[in-house]
């Protein structure tokens, strides 16, 4: 995506250089979108944190970090047209891993709720 930088800035907004841009509007934002562009594992890691599975959550974030680092280094060598694909690949890999871990943890939830947390069974 190309961003054109020849429009009014915060310093020149009062000069009304371009009447097509509303002067009193909120302006453009780079981030803060309501819906993420890529499948992010954030919701699934919130579920894992709620279930008090902090080691699995940490492992998923570590997987995302390492995958993002390696895939970004690969795409940097491929050139400018491939910038951003490393983050996309890391997001998809971490999302799939978070799905597997979350669904396995939810399958084991009754066992942990009634057996491992029950003092009379021990």
PDB file of N, CA and C in Angstrom:
ATOM      1  N   UNK A   1       0.845  -1.161   0.000  1.00  0.00           N
ATOM      2  CA  UNK A   1       0.000   0.000   0.000  1.00  0.00           C
ATOM      3  C   UNK A   1       0.892   1.227   0.000  1.00  0.00           C
ATOM      4  N   UNK A   2       0.598   2.177  -0.831  1.00  0.00           N
ATOM      5  CA  UNK A   2       1.359   3.415  -0.915  1.00  0.00           C
ATOM      6  C   UNK A   2       0.635   4.523  -0.162  1.00  0.00           C
ATOM      7  N   UNK A   3       1.372   5.296   0.592  1.00  0.00           N
ATOM      8  CA  UNK A   3       0.808   6.424   1.328  1.00  0.00           C
ATOM      9  C   UNK A   3       1.369   7.702   0.719  1.00  0.00           C
ATOM     10  N   UNK A   4       0.490   8.563   0.252  1.00  0.00           N
ATOM     11  CA  UNK A   4       0.909   9.825  -0.338  1.00  0.00           C
ATOM     12  C   UNK A   4       1.090  10.852   0.773  1.00  0.00           C
ATOM     13  N   UNK A   5       2.236  11.510   0.776  1.00  0.00           N
ATOM     14  CA  UNK A   5       2.558  12.462   1.831  1.00  0.00           C
ATOM     15  C   UNK A   5       2.564  13.910   1.338  1.00  0.00           C
ATOM     16  N   UNK A   6       1.799  14.214   0.310  1.00  0.00           N
ATOM     17  CA  UNK A   6       1.824  15.583  -0.203  1.00  0.00           C
ATOM     18  C   UNK A   6       0.578  16.383   0.186  1.00  0.00           C
ATOM     19  N   UNK A   7      -0.172  15.937   1.181  1.00  0.00           N
ATOM     20  CA  UNK A   7      -1.367  16.646   1.626  1.00  0.00           C
ATOM     21  C   UNK A   7      -1.056  17.527   2.813  1.00  0.00           C
ATOM     22  N   UNK A   8      -2.090  18.139   3.400  1.00  0.00           N
ATOM     23  CA  UNK A   8      -1.863  19.009   4.551  1.00  0.00           C
ATOM     24  C   UNK A   8      -1.449  18.193   5.773  1.00  0.00           C
ATOM     25  N   UNK A   9      -0.616  18.775   6.593  1.00  0.00           N
ATOM     26  CA  UNK A   9      -0.165  18.116   7.810  1.00  0.00           C
ATOM     27  C   UNK A   9      -0.818  18.790   9.004  1.00  0.00           C
ATOM     28  N   UNK A  10      -0.435  18.404  10.179  1.00  0.00           N
ATOM     29  CA  UNK A  10      -0.968  19.025  11.384  1.00  0.00           C
ATOM     30  C   UNK A  10      -0.584  20.484  11.494  1.00  0.00           C
ATOM     31  N   UNK A  11       0.547  20.841  10.938  1.00  0.00           N
ATOM     32  CA  UNK A  11       0.990  22.235  11.003  1.00  0.00           C
ATOM     33  C   UNK A  11       0.327  23.117   9.952  1.00  0.00           C
ATOM     34  N   UNK A  12      -0.069  22.516   8.820  1.00  0.00           N
ATOM     35  CA  UNK A  12      -0.635  23.330   7.736  1.00  0.00           C
ATOM     36  C   UNK A  12      -2.135  23.124   7.582  1.00  0.00           C
ATOM     37  N   UNK A  13      -2.803  22.534   8.560  1.00  0.00           N
ATOM     38  CA  UNK A  13      -4.234  22.278   8.462  1.00  0.00           C
ATOM     39  C   UNK A  13      -5.045  23.571   8.383  1.00  0.00           C
ATOM     40  N   UNK A  14      -4.596  24.591   9.088  1.00  0.00           N
ATOM     41  CA  UNK A  14      -5.329  25.859   9.141  1.00  0.00           C
ATOM     42  C   UNK A  14      -5.237  26.650   7.837  1.00  0.00           C
ATOM     43  N   UNK A  15      -4.362  26.266   6.922  1.00  0.00           N
ATOM     44  CA  UNK A  15      -4.178  27.013   5.680  1.00  0.00           C
ATOM     45  C   UNK A  15      -5.194  26.645   4.608  1.00  0.00           C
ATOM     46  N   UNK A  16      -5.998  25.595   4.825  1.00  0.00           N
ATOM     47  CA  UNK A  16      -6.988  25.097   3.867  1.00  0.00           C
ATOM     48  C   UNK A  16      -6.380  24.918   2.479  1.00  0.00           C
ATOM     49  N   UNK A  17      -5.318  24.154   2.414  1.00  0.00           N
ATOM     50  CA  UNK A  17      -4.658  23.882   1.140  1.00  0.00           C
ATOM     51  C   UNK A  17      -5.474  22.947   0.264  1.00  0.00           C
ATOM     52  N   UNK A  18      -6.209  22.045   0.870  1.00  0.00           N
ATOM     53  CA  UNK A  18      -7.000  21.080   0.114  1.00  0.00           C
ATOM     54  C   UNK A  18      -8.420  21.091   0.660  1.00  0.00           C
ATOM     55  N   UNK A  19      -9.381  21.671  -0.066  1.00  0.00           N
ATOM     56  CA  UNK A  19     -10.740  21.758   0.472  1.00  0.00           C
ATOM     57  C   UNK A  19     -11.455  20.410   0.536  1.00  0.00           C
ATOM     58  N   UNK A  20     -10.928  19.378  -0.122  1.00  0.00           N
ATOM     59  CA  UNK A  20     -11.592  18.073  -0.107  1.00  0.00           C
ATOM     60  C   UNK A  20     -11.423  17.365   1.235  1.00  0.00           C
ATOM     61  N   UNK A  21     -10.427  17.750   2.023  1.00  0.00           N
ATOM     62  CA  UNK A  21     -10.183  17.122   3.314  1.00  0.00           C
ATOM     63  C   UNK A  21     -10.889  17.940   4.393  1.00  0.00           C
ATOM     64  N   UNK A  22     -11.779  17.323   5.176  1.00  0.00           N
ATOM     65  CA  UNK A  22     -12.466  18.091   6.225  1.00  0.00           C
ATOM     66  C   UNK A  22     -11.483  18.536   7.295  1.00  0.00           C
ATOM     67  N   UNK A  23     -11.589  19.803   7.675  1.00  0.00           N
ATOM     68  CA  UNK A  23     -10.640  20.377   8.626  1.00  0.00           C
ATOM     69  C   UNK A  23     -10.969  20.007  10.070  1.00  0.00           C
ATOM     70  N   UNK A  24     -12.232  19.732  10.361  1.00  0.00           N
ATOM     71  CA  UNK A  24     -12.608  19.446  11.737  1.00  0.00           C
ATOM     72  C   UNK A  24     -12.847  17.958  11.981  1.00  0.00           C
ATOM     73  N   UNK A  25     -12.510  17.100  11.010  1.00  0.00           N
ATOM     74  CA  UNK A  25     -12.718  15.658  11.148  1.00  0.00           C
ATOM     75  C   UNK A  25     -11.671  15.029  12.029  1.00  0.00           C
ATOM     76  N   UNK A  26     -11.847  13.756  12.340  1.00  0.00           N
ATOM     77  CA  UNK A  26     -10.896  13.084  13.229  1.00  0.00           C
ATOM     78  C   UNK A  26      -9.540  12.831  12.585  1.00  0.00           C
ATOM     79  N   UNK A  27      -9.455  12.866  11.253  1.00  0.00           N
ATOM     80  CA  UNK A  27      -8.188  12.618  10.581  1.00  0.00           C
ATOM     81  C   UNK A  27      -7.959  11.134  10.370  1.00  0.00           C
ATOM     82  N   UNK A  28      -6.901  10.838   9.677  1.00  0.00           N
ATOM     83  CA  UNK A  28      -6.577   9.449   9.370  1.00  0.00           C
ATOM     84  C   UNK A  28      -5.823   8.824  10.532  1.00  0.00           C
ATOM     85  N   UNK A  29      -6.062   7.557  10.755  1.00  0.00           N
ATOM     86  CA  UNK A  29      -5.326   6.824  11.773  1.00  0.00           C
ATOM     87  C   UNK A  29      -4.620   5.653  11.120  1.00  0.00           C
ATOM     88  N   UNK A  30      -3.458   5.332  11.642  1.00  0.00           N
ATOM     89  CA  UNK A  30      -2.688   4.230  11.095  1.00  0.00           C
ATOM     90  C   UNK A  30      -3.119   2.921  11.747  1.00  0.00           C
ATOM     91  N   UNK A  31      -3.355   2.953  13.046  1.00  0.00           N
ATOM     92  CA  UNK A  31      -3.797   1.745  13.737  1.00  0.00           C
ATOM     93  C   UNK A  31      -5.104   2.049  14.453  1.00  0.00           C
ATOM     94  N   UNK A  32      -5.572   1.116  15.234  1.00  0.00           N
ATOM     95  CA  UNK A  32      -6.809   1.317  15.964  1.00  0.00           C
ATOM     96  C   UNK A  32      -8.024   0.836  15.199  1.00  0.00           C
ATOM     97  N   UNK A  33      -7.826  -0.111  14.287  1.00  0.00           N
ATOM     98  CA  UNK A  33      -8.945  -0.665  13.536  1.00  0.00           C
ATOM     99  C   UNK A  33      -9.780  -1.542  14.453  1.00  0.00           C
ATOM    100  N   UNK A  34     -11.068  -1.582  14.187  1.00  0.00           N
ATOM    101  CA  UNK A  34     -11.944  -2.399  15.010  1.00  0.00           C
ATOM    102  C   UNK A  34     -11.768  -3.884  14.726  1.00  0.00           C
ATOM    103  N   UNK A  35     -11.539  -4.253  13.493  1.00  0.00           N
ATOM    104  CA  UNK A  35     -11.376  -5.651  13.111  1.00  0.00           C
ATOM    105  C   UNK A  35      -9.937  -5.849  12.628  1.00  0.00           C
ATOM    106  N   UNK A  36      -9.202  -6.814  13.195  1.00  0.00           N
ATOM    107  CA  UNK A  36      -7.824  -7.004  12.745  1.00  0.00           C
ATOM    108  C   UNK A  36      -7.777  -7.544  11.318  1.00  0.00           C
ATOM    109  N   UNK A  37      -6.731  -7.162  10.598  1.00  0.00           N
ATOM    110  CA  UNK A  37      -6.564  -7.621   9.220  1.00  0.00           C
ATOM    111  C   UNK A  37      -6.153  -9.085   9.167  1.00  0.00           C
ATOM    112  N   UNK A  38      -5.426  -9.546  10.177  1.00  0.00           N
ATOM    113  CA  UNK A  38      -4.919 -10.908  10.199  1.00  0.00           C
ATOM    114  C   UNK A  38      -5.556 -11.661  11.363  1.00  0.00           C
ATOM    115  N   UNK A  39      -5.634 -12.982  11.278  1.00  0.00           N
ATOM    116  CA  UNK A  39      -6.172 -13.740  12.413  1.00  0.00           C
ATOM    117  C   UNK A  39      -5.178 -13.739  13.564  1.00  0.00           C
ATOM    118  N   UNK A  40      -5.446 -12.955  14.580  1.00  0.00           N
ATOM    119  CA  UNK A  40      -4.523 -12.843  15.702  1.00  0.00           C
ATOM    120  C   UNK A  40      -4.959 -13.777  16.826  1.00  0.00           C
ATOM    121  N   UNK A  41      -4.008 -14.341  17.536  1.00  0.00           N
ATOM    122  CA  UNK A  41      -4.353 -15.296  18.596  1.00  0.00           C
ATOM    123  C   UNK A  41      -4.750 -14.630  19.905  1.00  0.00           C
ATOM    124  N   UNK A  42      -5.047 -13.322  19.891  1.00  0.00           N
ATOM    125  CA  UNK A  42      -5.276 -12.589  21.128  1.00  0.00           C
ATOM    126  C   UNK A  42      -6.467 -13.135  21.910  1.00  0.00           C
ATOM    127  N   UNK A  43      -7.600 -13.355  21.271  1.00  0.00           N
ATOM    128  CA  UNK A  43      -8.780 -13.843  21.973  1.00  0.00           C
ATOM    129  C   UNK A  43      -8.528 -15.216  22.590  1.00  0.00           C
ATOM    130  N   UNK A  44      -7.841 -16.053  21.860  1.00  0.00           N
ATOM    131  CA  UNK A  44      -7.575 -17.395  22.374  1.00  0.00           C
ATOM    132  C   UNK A  44      -6.607 -17.370  23.547  1.00  0.00           C
ATOM    133  N   UNK A  45      -5.638 -16.470  23.524  1.00  0.00           N
ATOM    134  CA  UNK A  45      -4.722 -16.382  24.663  1.00  0.00           C
ATOM    135  C   UNK A  45      -5.420 -15.766  25.873  1.00  0.00           C
ATOM    136  N   UNK A  46      -6.442 -14.950  25.640  1.00  0.00           N
ATOM    137  CA  UNK A  46      -7.233 -14.442  26.767  1.00  0.00           C
ATOM    138  C   UNK A  46      -7.985 -15.597  27.426  1.00  0.00           C
ATOM    139  N   UNK A  47      -8.526 -16.495  26.613  1.00  0.00           N
ATOM    140  CA  UNK A  47      -9.210 -17.674  27.162  1.00  0.00           C
ATOM    141  C   UNK A  47      -8.229 -18.530  27.953  1.00  0.00           C
ATOM    142  N   UNK A  48      -7.037 -18.724  27.421  1.00  0.00           N
ATOM    143  CA  UNK A  48      -6.030 -19.522  28.144  1.00  0.00           C
ATOM    144  C   UNK A  48      -5.602 -18.839  29.437  1.00  0.00           C
ATOM    145  N   UNK A  49      -5.505 -17.519  29.423  1.00  0.00           N
ATOM    146  CA  UNK A  49      -5.168 -16.793  30.653  1.00  0.00           C
ATOM    147  C   UNK A  49      -6.289 -16.910  31.673  1.00  0.00           C
ATOM    148  N   UNK A  50      -7.537 -16.883  31.195  1.00  0.00           N
ATOM    149  CA  UNK A  50      -8.678 -17.039  32.094  1.00  0.00           C
ATOM    150  C   UNK A  50      -8.673 -18.418  32.751  1.00  0.00           C
ATOM    151  N   UNK A  51      -8.239 -19.421  32.016  1.00  0.00           N
ATOM    152  CA  UNK A  51      -8.146 -20.777  32.560  1.00  0.00           C
ATOM    153  C   UNK A  51      -6.887 -20.988  33.396  1.00  0.00           C
ATOM    154  N   UNK A  52      -6.110 -19.933  33.586  1.00  0.00           N
ATOM    155  CA  UNK A  52      -4.876 -19.950  34.375  1.00  0.00           C
ATOM    156  C   UNK A  52      -3.834 -20.894  33.779  1.00  0.00           C
ATOM    157  N   UNK A  53      -3.707 -20.869  32.472  1.00  0.00           N
ATOM    158  CA  UNK A  53      -2.703 -21.665  31.770  1.00  0.00           C
ATOM    159  C   UNK A  53      -1.612 -20.734  31.251  1.00  0.00           C
ATOM    160  N   UNK A  54      -0.882 -20.148  32.190  1.00  0.00           N
ATOM    161  CA  UNK A  54       0.085 -19.114  31.825  1.00  0.00           C
ATOM    162  C   UNK A  54       1.287 -19.678  31.069  1.00  0.00           C
ATOM    163  N   UNK A  55       1.676 -20.908  31.326  1.00  0.00           N
ATOM    164  CA  UNK A  55       2.822 -21.480  30.592  1.00  0.00           C
ATOM    165  C   UNK A  55       2.479 -21.699  29.120  1.00  0.00           C
ATOM    166  N   UNK A  56       1.268 -22.169  28.864  1.00  0.00           N
ATOM    167  CA  UNK A  56       0.849 -22.350  27.481  1.00  0.00           C
ATOM    168  C   UNK A  56       0.707 -21.004  26.777  1.00  0.00           C
ATOM    169  N   UNK A  57       0.204 -20.013  27.499  1.00  0.00           N
ATOM    170  CA  UNK A  57       0.074 -18.672  26.924  1.00  0.00           C
ATOM    171  C   UNK A  57       1.440 -18.098  26.600  1.00  0.00           C
ATOM    172  N   UNK A  58       2.382 -18.256  27.514  1.00  0.00           N
ATOM    173  CA  UNK A  58       3.743 -17.777  27.278  1.00  0.00           C
ATOM    174  C   UNK A  58       4.385 -18.506  26.104  1.00  0.00           C
ATOM    175  N   UNK A  59       4.143 -19.808  25.999  1.00  0.00           N
ATOM    176  CA  UNK A  59       4.696 -20.579  24.888  1.00  0.00           C
ATOM    177  C   UNK A  59       4.122 -20.104  23.548  1.00  0.00           C
ATOM    178  N   UNK A  60       2.834 -19.780  23.523  1.00  0.00           N
ATOM    179  CA  UNK A  60       2.227 -19.278  22.281  1.00  0.00           C
ATOM    180  C   UNK A  60       2.796 -17.919  21.886  1.00  0.00           C
ATOM    181  N   UNK A  61       2.987 -17.050  22.859  1.00  0.00           N
ATOM    182  CA  UNK A  61       3.580 -15.746  22.555  1.00  0.00           C
ATOM    183  C   UNK A  61       5.039 -15.896  22.119  1.00  0.00           C
ATOM    184  N   UNK A  62       5.749 -16.835  22.730  1.00  0.00           N
ATOM    185  CA  UNK A  62       7.120 -17.112  22.288  1.00  0.00           C
ATOM    186  C   UNK A  62       7.156 -17.661  20.872  1.00  0.00           C
ATOM    187  N   UNK A  63       6.195 -18.541  20.551  1.00  0.00           N
ATOM    188  CA  UNK A  63       6.095 -19.061  19.182  1.00  0.00           C
ATOM    189  C   UNK A  63       5.846 -17.929  18.196  1.00  0.00           C
ATOM    190  N   UNK A  64       4.950 -17.016  18.547  1.00  0.00           N
ATOM    191  CA  UNK A  64       4.683 -15.880  17.664  1.00  0.00           C
ATOM    192  C   UNK A  64       5.920 -15.011  17.489  1.00  0.00           C
ATOM    193  N   UNK A  65       6.645 -14.773  18.576  1.00  0.00           N
ATOM    194  CA  UNK A  65       7.846 -13.946  18.500  1.00  0.00           C
ATOM    195  C   UNK A  65       8.897 -14.568  17.592  1.00  0.00           C
ATOM    196  N   UNK A  66       9.177 -15.847  17.801  1.00  0.00           N
ATOM    197  CA  UNK A  66      10.216 -16.517  17.012  1.00  0.00           C
ATOM    198  C   UNK A  66       9.794 -16.643  15.547  1.00  0.00           C
ATOM    199  N   UNK A  67       8.535 -17.006  15.314  1.00  0.00           N
ATOM    200  CA  UNK A  67       8.053 -17.128  13.937  1.00  0.00           C
ATOM    201  C   UNK A  67       8.055 -15.784  13.235  1.00  0.00           C
ATOM    202  N   UNK A  68       7.653 -14.746  13.945  1.00  0.00           N
ATOM    203  CA  UNK A  68       7.652 -13.402  13.358  1.00  0.00           C
ATOM    204  C   UNK A  68       9.067 -12.957  13.024  1.00  0.00           C
ATOM    205  N   UNK A  69      10.003 -13.210  13.909  1.00  0.00           N
ATOM    206  CA  UNK A  69      11.393 -12.830  13.673  1.00  0.00           C
ATOM    207  C   UNK A  69      11.965 -13.559  12.463  1.00  0.00           C
ATOM    208  N   UNK A  70      11.764 -14.876  12.417  1.00  0.00           N
ATOM    209  CA  UNK A  70      12.342 -15.652  11.312  1.00  0.00           C
ATOM    210  C   UNK A  70      11.676 -15.320   9.977  1.00  0.00           C
ATOM    211  N   UNK A  71      10.356 -15.224   9.971  1.00  0.00           N
ATOM    212  CA  UNK A  71       9.657 -14.941   8.714  1.00  0.00           C
ATOM    213  C   UNK A  71       9.938 -13.519   8.232  1.00  0.00           C
ATOM    214  N   UNK A  72      10.089 -12.584   9.158  1.00  0.00           N
ATOM    215  CA  UNK A  72      10.415 -11.211   8.756  1.00  0.00           C
ATOM    216  C   UNK A  72      11.821 -11.135   8.182  1.00  0.00           C
ATOM    217  N   UNK A  73      12.767 -11.859   8.763  1.00  0.00           N
ATOM    218  CA  UNK A  73      14.125 -11.871   8.208  1.00  0.00           C
ATOM    219  C   UNK A  73      14.137 -12.468   6.797  1.00  0.00           C
ATOM    220  N   UNK A  74      13.317 -13.488   6.570  1.00  0.00           N
ATOM    221  CA  UNK A  74      13.230 -14.079   5.231  1.00  0.00           C
ATOM    222  C   UNK A  74      12.630 -13.077   4.242  1.00  0.00           C
ATOM    223  N   UNK A  75      11.555 -12.411   4.644  1.00  0.00           N
ATOM    224  CA  UNK A  75      10.910 -11.479   3.713  1.00  0.00           C
ATOM    225  C   UNK A  75      11.727 -10.214   3.495  1.00  0.00           C
ATOM    226  N   UNK A  76      12.596  -9.867   4.427  1.00  0.00           N
ATOM    227  CA  UNK A  76      13.484  -8.722   4.204  1.00  0.00           C
ATOM    228  C   UNK A  76      14.456  -9.001   3.063  1.00  0.00           C
ATOM    229  N   UNK A  77      14.887 -10.248   2.961  1.00  0.00           N
ATOM    230  CA  UNK A  77      15.797 -10.611   1.865  1.00  0.00           C
ATOM    231  C   UNK A  77      15.073 -10.654   0.522  1.00  0.00           C
ATOM    232  N   UNK A  78      13.769 -10.890   0.549  1.00  0.00           N
ATOM    233  CA  UNK A  78      13.007 -10.974  -0.704  1.00  0.00           C
ATOM    234  C   UNK A  78      12.715  -9.604  -1.301  1.00  0.00           C
ATOM    235  N   UNK A  79      12.768  -8.567  -0.498  1.00  0.00           N
ATOM    236  CA  UNK A  79      12.583  -7.224  -1.031  1.00  0.00           C
ATOM    237  C   UNK A  79      11.301  -6.562  -0.564  1.00  0.00           C
ATOM    238  N   UNK A  80      11.143  -5.313  -0.988  1.00  0.00           N
ATOM    239  CA  UNK A  80      10.049  -4.459  -0.531  1.00  0.00           C
ATOM    240  C   UNK A  80       8.658  -5.016  -0.824  1.00  0.00           C
ATOM    241  N   UNK A  81       8.414  -5.641  -1.973  1.00  0.00           N
ATOM    242  CA  UNK A  81       7.043  -6.135  -2.225  1.00  0.00           C
ATOM    243  C   UNK A  81       6.574  -7.189  -1.223  1.00  0.00           C
ATOM    244  N   UNK A  82       7.483  -7.812  -0.485  1.00  0.00           N
ATOM    245  CA  UNK A  82       7.122  -8.877   0.441  1.00  0.00           C
ATOM    246  C   UNK A  82       7.111  -8.419   1.900  1.00  0.00           C
ATOM    247  N   UNK A  83       7.342  -7.136   2.151  1.00  0.00           N
ATOM    248  CA  UNK A  83       7.312  -6.634   3.522  1.00  0.00           C
ATOM    249  C   UNK A  83       5.913  -6.836   4.098  1.00  0.00           C
ATOM    250  N   UNK A  84       5.831  -7.324   5.305  1.00  0.00           N
ATOM    251  CA  UNK A  84       4.559  -7.564   5.973  1.00  0.00           C
ATOM    252  C   UNK A  84       4.105  -9.013   5.920  1.00  0.00           C
ATOM    253  N   UNK A  85       4.624  -9.769   4.956  1.00  0.00           N
ATOM    254  CA  UNK A  85       4.236 -11.174   4.876  1.00  0.00           C
ATOM    255  C   UNK A  85       4.772 -11.987   6.051  1.00  0.00           C
ATOM    256  N   UNK A  86       5.885 -11.573   6.623  1.00  0.00           N
ATOM    257  CA  UNK A  86       6.430 -12.264   7.788  1.00  0.00           C
ATOM    258  C   UNK A  86       5.478 -12.186   8.970  1.00  0.00           C
ATOM    259  N   UNK A  87       4.903 -11.012   9.190  1.00  0.00           N
ATOM    260  CA  UNK A  87       3.932 -10.839  10.265  1.00  0.00           C
ATOM    261  C   UNK A  87       2.678 -11.655   9.981  1.00  0.00           C
ATOM    262  N   UNK A  88       2.262 -11.666   8.732  1.00  0.00           N
ATOM    263  CA  UNK A  88       1.081 -12.438   8.348  1.00  0.00           C
ATOM    264  C   UNK A  88       1.300 -13.930   8.609  1.00  0.00           C
ATOM    265  N   UNK A  89       2.443 -14.451   8.187  1.00  0.00           N
ATOM    266  CA  UNK A  89       2.742 -15.871   8.394  1.00  0.00           C
ATOM    267  C   UNK A  89       2.802 -16.185   9.884  1.00  0.00           C
ATOM    268  N   UNK A  90       3.456 -15.314  10.660  1.00  0.00           N
ATOM    269  CA  UNK A  90       3.546 -15.536  12.099  1.00  0.00           C
ATOM    270  C   UNK A  90       2.166 -15.493  12.747  1.00  0.00           C
ATOM    271  N   UNK A  91       1.299 -14.597  12.290  1.00  0.00           N
ATOM    272  CA  UNK A  91      -0.054 -14.513  12.836  1.00  0.00           C
ATOM    273  C   UNK A  91      -0.849 -15.781  12.550  1.00  0.00           C
ATOM    274  N   UNK A  92      -0.739 -16.291  11.336  1.00  0.00           N
ATOM    275  CA  UNK A  92      -1.488 -17.495  10.976  1.00  0.00           C
ATOM    276  C   UNK A  92      -0.969 -18.702  11.754  1.00  0.00           C
ATOM    277  N   UNK A  93       0.357 -18.851  11.848  1.00  0.00           N
ATOM    278  CA  UNK A  93       0.940 -19.987  12.579  1.00  0.00           C
ATOM    279  C   UNK A  93       0.553 -19.920  14.055  1.00  0.00           C
ATOM    280  N   UNK A  94       0.678 -18.738  14.664  1.00  0.00           N
ATOM    281  CA  UNK A  94       0.336 -18.602  16.079  1.00  0.00           C
ATOM    282  C   UNK A  94      -1.162 -18.790  16.309  1.00  0.00           C
ATOM    283  N   UNK A  95      -1.994 -18.337  15.367  1.00  0.00           N
ATOM    284  CA  UNK A  95      -3.435 -18.523  15.499  1.00  0.00           C
ATOM    285  C   UNK A  95      -3.809 -19.998  15.447  1.00  0.00           C
ATOM    286  N   UNK A  96      -3.226 -20.735  14.509  1.00  0.00           N
ATOM    287  CA  UNK A  96      -3.512 -22.162  14.407  1.00  0.00           C
ATOM    288  C   UNK A  96      -3.032 -22.914  15.648  1.00  0.00           C
ATOM    289  N   UNK A  97      -1.842 -22.563  16.127  1.00  0.00           N
ATOM    290  CA  UNK A  97      -1.324 -23.203  17.344  1.00  0.00           C
ATOM    291  C   UNK A  97      -2.199 -22.849  18.541  1.00  0.00           C
ATOM    292  N   UNK A  98      -2.664 -21.608  18.620  1.00  0.00           N
ATOM    293  CA  UNK A  98      -3.538 -21.203  19.724  1.00  0.00           C
ATOM    294  C   UNK A  98      -4.875 -21.932  19.659  1.00  0.00           C
ATOM    295  N   UNK A  99      -5.379 -22.173  18.455  1.00  0.00           N
ATOM    296  CA  UNK A  99      -6.619 -22.950  18.314  1.00  0.00           C
ATOM    297  C   UNK A  99      -6.439 -24.356  18.859  1.00  0.00           C
ATOM    298  N   UNK A 100      -5.352 -25.002  18.479  1.00  0.00           N
ATOM    299  CA  UNK A 100      -5.094 -26.371  18.930  1.00  0.00           C
ATOM    300  C   UNK A 100      -4.949 -26.414  20.450  1.00  0.00           C
ATOM    301  N   UNK A 101      -4.152 -25.511  20.996  1.00  0.00           N
ATOM    302  CA  UNK A 101      -3.907 -25.511  22.446  1.00  0.00           C
ATOM    303  C   UNK A 101      -5.189 -25.185  23.205  1.00  0.00           C
ATOM    304  N   UNK A 102      -5.952 -24.216  22.721  1.00  0.00           N
ATOM    305  CA  UNK A 102      -7.178 -23.821  23.417  1.00  0.00           C
ATOM    306  C   UNK A 102      -8.208 -24.947  23.404  1.00  0.00           C
ATOM    307  N   UNK A 103      -8.409 -25.573  22.263  1.00  0.00           N
ATOM    308  CA  UNK A 103      -9.406 -26.644  22.194  1.00  0.00           C
ATOM    309  C   UNK A 103      -8.970 -27.873  23.004  1.00  0.00           C
ATOM    310  N   UNK A 104      -7.672 -28.170  23.035  1.00  0.00           N
ATOM    311  CA  UNK A 104      -7.197 -29.264  23.887  1.00  0.00           C
ATOM    312  C   UNK A 104      -7.414 -28.934  25.364  1.00  0.00           C
ATOM    313  N   UNK A 105      -7.157 -27.682  25.730  1.00  0.00           N
ATOM    314  CA  UNK A 105      -7.337 -27.269  27.122  1.00  0.00           C
ATOM    315  C   UNK A 105      -8.800 -27.284  27.528  1.00  0.00           C
ATOM    316  N   UNK A 106      -9.683 -26.913  26.598  1.00  0.00           N
ATOM    317  CA  UNK A 106     -11.110 -26.945  26.906  1.00  0.00           C
ATOM    318  C   UNK A 106     -11.622 -28.384  27.013  1.00  0.00           C
ATOM    319  N   UNK A 107     -11.029 -29.296  26.251  1.00  0.00           N
ATOM    320  CA  UNK A 107     -11.400 -30.707  26.381  1.00  0.00           C
ATOM    321  C   UNK A 107     -10.976 -31.279  27.736  1.00  0.00           C
ATOM    322  N   UNK A 108      -9.855 -30.802  28.267  1.00  0.00           N
ATOM    323  CA  UNK A 108      -9.346 -31.286  29.554  1.00  0.00           C
ATOM    324  C   UNK A 108      -9.933 -30.530  30.741  1.00  0.00           C
ATOM    325  N   UNK A 109     -10.766 -29.539  30.485  1.00  0.00           N
ATOM    326  CA  UNK A 109     -11.286 -28.688  31.559  1.00  0.00           C
ATOM    327  C   UNK A 109     -12.081 -29.458  32.621  1.00  0.00           C
ATOM    328  N   UNK A 110     -12.993 -30.355  32.266  1.00  0.00           N
ATOM    329  CA  UNK A 110     -13.711 -31.076  33.333  1.00  0.00           C
ATOM    330  C   UNK A 110     -12.776 -31.903  34.228  1.00  0.00           C
ATOM    331  N   UNK A 111     -11.756 -32.509  33.635  1.00  0.00           N
ATOM    332  CA  UNK A 111     -10.802 -33.284  34.428  1.00  0.00           C
ATOM    333  C   UNK A 111     -10.087 -32.383  35.432  1.00  0.00           C
ATOM    334  N   UNK A 112      -9.614 -31.227  34.959  1.00  0.00           N
ATOM    335  CA  UNK A 112      -8.892 -30.326  35.856  1.00  0.00           C
ATOM    336  C   UNK A 112      -9.825 -29.699  36.892  1.00  0.00           C
ATOM    337  N   UNK A 113     -11.079 -29.490  36.524  1.00  0.00           N
ATOM    338  CA  UNK A 113     -12.009 -28.859  37.463  1.00  0.00           C
ATOM    339  C   UNK A 113     -12.428 -29.821  38.569  1.00  0.00           C
ATOM    340  N   UNK A 114     -12.618 -31.104  38.231  1.00  0.00           N
ATOM    341  CA  UNK A 114     -13.169 -32.010  39.208  1.00  0.00           C
ATOM    342  C   UNK A 114     -12.162 -32.995  39.806  1.00  0.00           C
ATOM    343  N   UNK A 115     -11.035 -33.201  39.141  1.00  0.00           N
ATOM    344  CA  UNK A 115     -10.072 -34.191  39.650  1.00  0.00           C
ATOM    345  C   UNK A 115      -8.823 -33.508  40.216  1.00  0.00           C
ATOM    346  N   UNK A 116      -8.126 -32.716  39.421  1.00  0.00           N
ATOM    347  CA  UNK A 116      -6.874 -32.135  39.899  1.00  0.00           C
ATOM    348  C   UNK A 116      -7.094 -31.063  40.961  1.00  0.00           C
ATOM    349  N   UNK A 117      -8.233 -30.391  40.935  1.00  0.00           N
ATOM    350  CA  UNK A 117      -8.507 -29.371  41.937  1.00  0.00           C
ATOM    351  C   UNK A 117      -9.270 -29.895  43.147  1.00  0.00           C
ATOM    352  N   UNK A 118      -9.582 -31.187  43.189  1.00  0.00           N
ATOM    353  CA  UNK A 118     -10.370 -31.765  44.266  1.00  0.00           C
ATOM    354  C   UNK A 118      -9.441 -32.372  45.301  1.00  0.00           C
ATOM    355  N   UNK A 119      -9.489 -31.854  46.528  1.00  0.00           N
ATOM    356  CA  UNK A 119      -8.604 -32.341  47.586  1.00  0.00           C
ATOM    357  C   UNK A 119      -8.981 -33.744  48.048  1.00  0.00           C
ATOM    358  N   UNK A 120     -10.252 -34.140  47.916  1.00  0.00           N
ATOM    359  CA  UNK A 120     -10.663 -35.462  48.412  1.00  0.00           C
ATOM    360  C   UNK A 120     -10.203 -36.574  47.482  1.00  0.00           C
ATOM    361  N   UNK A 121      -9.873 -36.282  46.229  1.00  0.00           N
ATOM    362  CA  UNK A 121      -9.421 -37.309  45.296  1.00  0.00           C
ATOM    363  C   UNK A 121      -7.944 -37.594  45.504  1.00  0.00           C
ATOM    364  N   UNK A 122      -7.217 -36.632  45.996  1.00  0.00           N
ATOM    365  CA  UNK A 122      -5.760 -36.805  46.164  1.00  0.00           C
ATOM    366  C   UNK A 122      -5.439 -37.698  47.261  1.00  0.00           C
TER     367      UNK A 122
END
